[in-house]
Amino acid sequence: MVGGIEMEFKFYVNNKGLFVADLGLMNSFANPKDLKHEFTYNLEQDSILVIKSDDSKEQRLVVKKFSDTFDYIELINRKNNKSISMRKIIE
């Protein structure tokens, strides 16, 4: 990746996850530890994604899906009303 930023979330069946960022050209300025982040997760009420990171901070995000699959979702943080749209590109 040269000019863009690519983020990948991996959710494993044991409620563990991995976030990996590819910052393109900015990778050379970043701390490699900041490019990978492990977390635990669970779903509550089928639409609230609870992510807990290594520093024990908990994030509660509402998952809004736009079809019967999870190919395109939006994660909404109700505390600050910010959202991230995500789409699946490979499986």
Protein backbone atom coordinates (compact mmCIF):
# COMPACT_ATOMS: atom_id res chain seq x y z
CA MET A 1 0.00 0.00 0.00
CA VAL A 2 1.52 3.32 -1.01
CA GLY A 3 -0.83 6.27 -0.66
CA GLY A 4 -3.64 5.11 1.61
CA ILE A 5 -4.36 3.69 4.99
CA GLU A 6 -5.64 0.14 5.36
CA MET A 7 -7.07 -1.25 8.59
CA GLU A 8 -7.87 -4.90 9.19
CA PHE A 9 -9.93 -6.33 12.03
CA LYS A 10 -9.78 -10.06 12.71
CA PHE A 11 -12.35 -11.63 15.01
CA TYR A 12 -11.57 -15.15 16.18
CA VAL A 13 -14.04 -17.64 17.67
CA ASN A 14 -12.39 -17.58 21.10
CA ASN A 15 -13.48 -13.92 21.60
CA LYS A 16 -10.00 -12.69 20.78
CA GLY A 17 -9.33 -10.17 18.06
CA LEU A 18 -6.49 -8.44 16.27
CA PHE A 19 -6.40 -4.98 14.72
CA VAL A 20 -3.67 -4.38 12.14
CA ALA A 21 -2.99 -1.01 10.46
CA ASP A 22 -1.05 -0.41 7.27
CA LEU A 23 -0.28 3.30 7.09
CA GLY A 24 1.38 3.14 3.68
CA LEU A 25 4.26 5.60 3.47
CA MET A 26 3.68 6.68 7.07
CA ASN A 27 4.69 3.19 8.31
CA SER A 28 8.32 4.29 8.44
CA PHE A 29 7.42 7.01 10.98
CA ALA A 30 5.17 4.84 13.16
CA ASN A 31 6.10 2.69 16.13
CA PRO A 32 5.62 -0.96 14.98
CA LYS A 33 3.85 -1.71 18.29
CA ASP A 34 1.13 0.79 17.34
CA LEU A 35 0.38 -1.05 14.10
CA LYS A 36 -0.94 -4.23 15.80
CA HIS A 37 -3.37 -4.29 18.67
CA GLU A 38 -4.85 -7.37 20.35
CA PHE A 39 -8.21 -7.20 22.07
CA THR A 40 -11.00 -9.34 23.49
CA TYR A 41 -14.60 -8.88 22.43
CA ASN A 42 -18.13 -10.04 22.93
CA LEU A 43 -21.52 -9.21 21.47
CA GLU A 44 -24.37 -8.16 23.75
CA GLN A 45 -27.97 -8.14 22.57
CA ASP A 46 -26.80 -9.04 19.02
CA SER A 47 -25.88 -5.44 18.22
CA ILE A 48 -23.48 -4.07 20.85
CA LEU A 49 -19.82 -4.93 20.29
CA VAL A 50 -17.81 -4.71 23.51
CA ILE A 51 -14.05 -4.43 22.93
CA LYS A 52 -11.56 -4.58 25.78
CA SER A 53 -7.92 -3.81 25.02
CA ASP A 54 -4.70 -4.65 26.85
CA ASP A 55 -4.97 -1.57 29.07
CA SER A 56 -8.39 -2.84 30.31
CA LYS A 57 -10.25 0.07 28.72
CA GLU A 58 -13.64 -0.99 27.47
CA GLN A 59 -15.35 0.35 24.36
CA ARG A 60 -19.02 -0.24 23.65
CA LEU A 61 -19.93 0.18 20.00
CA VAL A 62 -23.31 -0.29 18.37
CA VAL A 63 -23.07 -2.44 15.25
CA LYS A 64 -25.35 -1.27 12.45
CA LYS A 65 -25.47 -3.69 9.54
CA PHE A 66 -26.95 -2.83 6.18
CA SER A 67 -27.78 -6.31 4.88
CA ASP A 68 -28.34 -9.85 6.16
CA THR A 69 -24.57 -10.37 6.16
CA PHE A 70 -21.85 -8.40 7.90
CA ASP A 71 -20.20 -7.38 4.61
CA TYR A 72 -20.83 -3.69 5.30
CA ILE A 73 -21.24 -2.37 8.85
CA GLU A 74 -21.01 0.82 10.78
CA LEU A 75 -19.62 0.94 14.33
CA ILE A 76 -21.17 3.77 16.35
CA ASN A 77 -19.76 5.08 19.63
CA ARG A 78 -22.79 6.49 21.45
CA LYS A 79 -20.66 8.38 23.99
CA ASN A 80 -19.17 10.78 21.44
CA ASN A 81 -21.52 10.04 18.51
CA LYS A 82 -18.61 9.13 16.21
CA SER A 83 -18.85 6.29 13.76
CA ILE A 84 -16.62 4.17 11.52
CA SER A 85 -17.96 2.54 8.35
CA MET A 86 -16.36 -0.74 7.35
CA ARG A 87 -16.77 -3.08 4.42
CA LYS A 88 -15.46 -6.59 3.93
CA ILE A 89 -13.06 -6.92 1.02
CA ILE A 90 -11.84 -10.52 1.45
CA GLU A 91 -12.62 -13.49 3.63
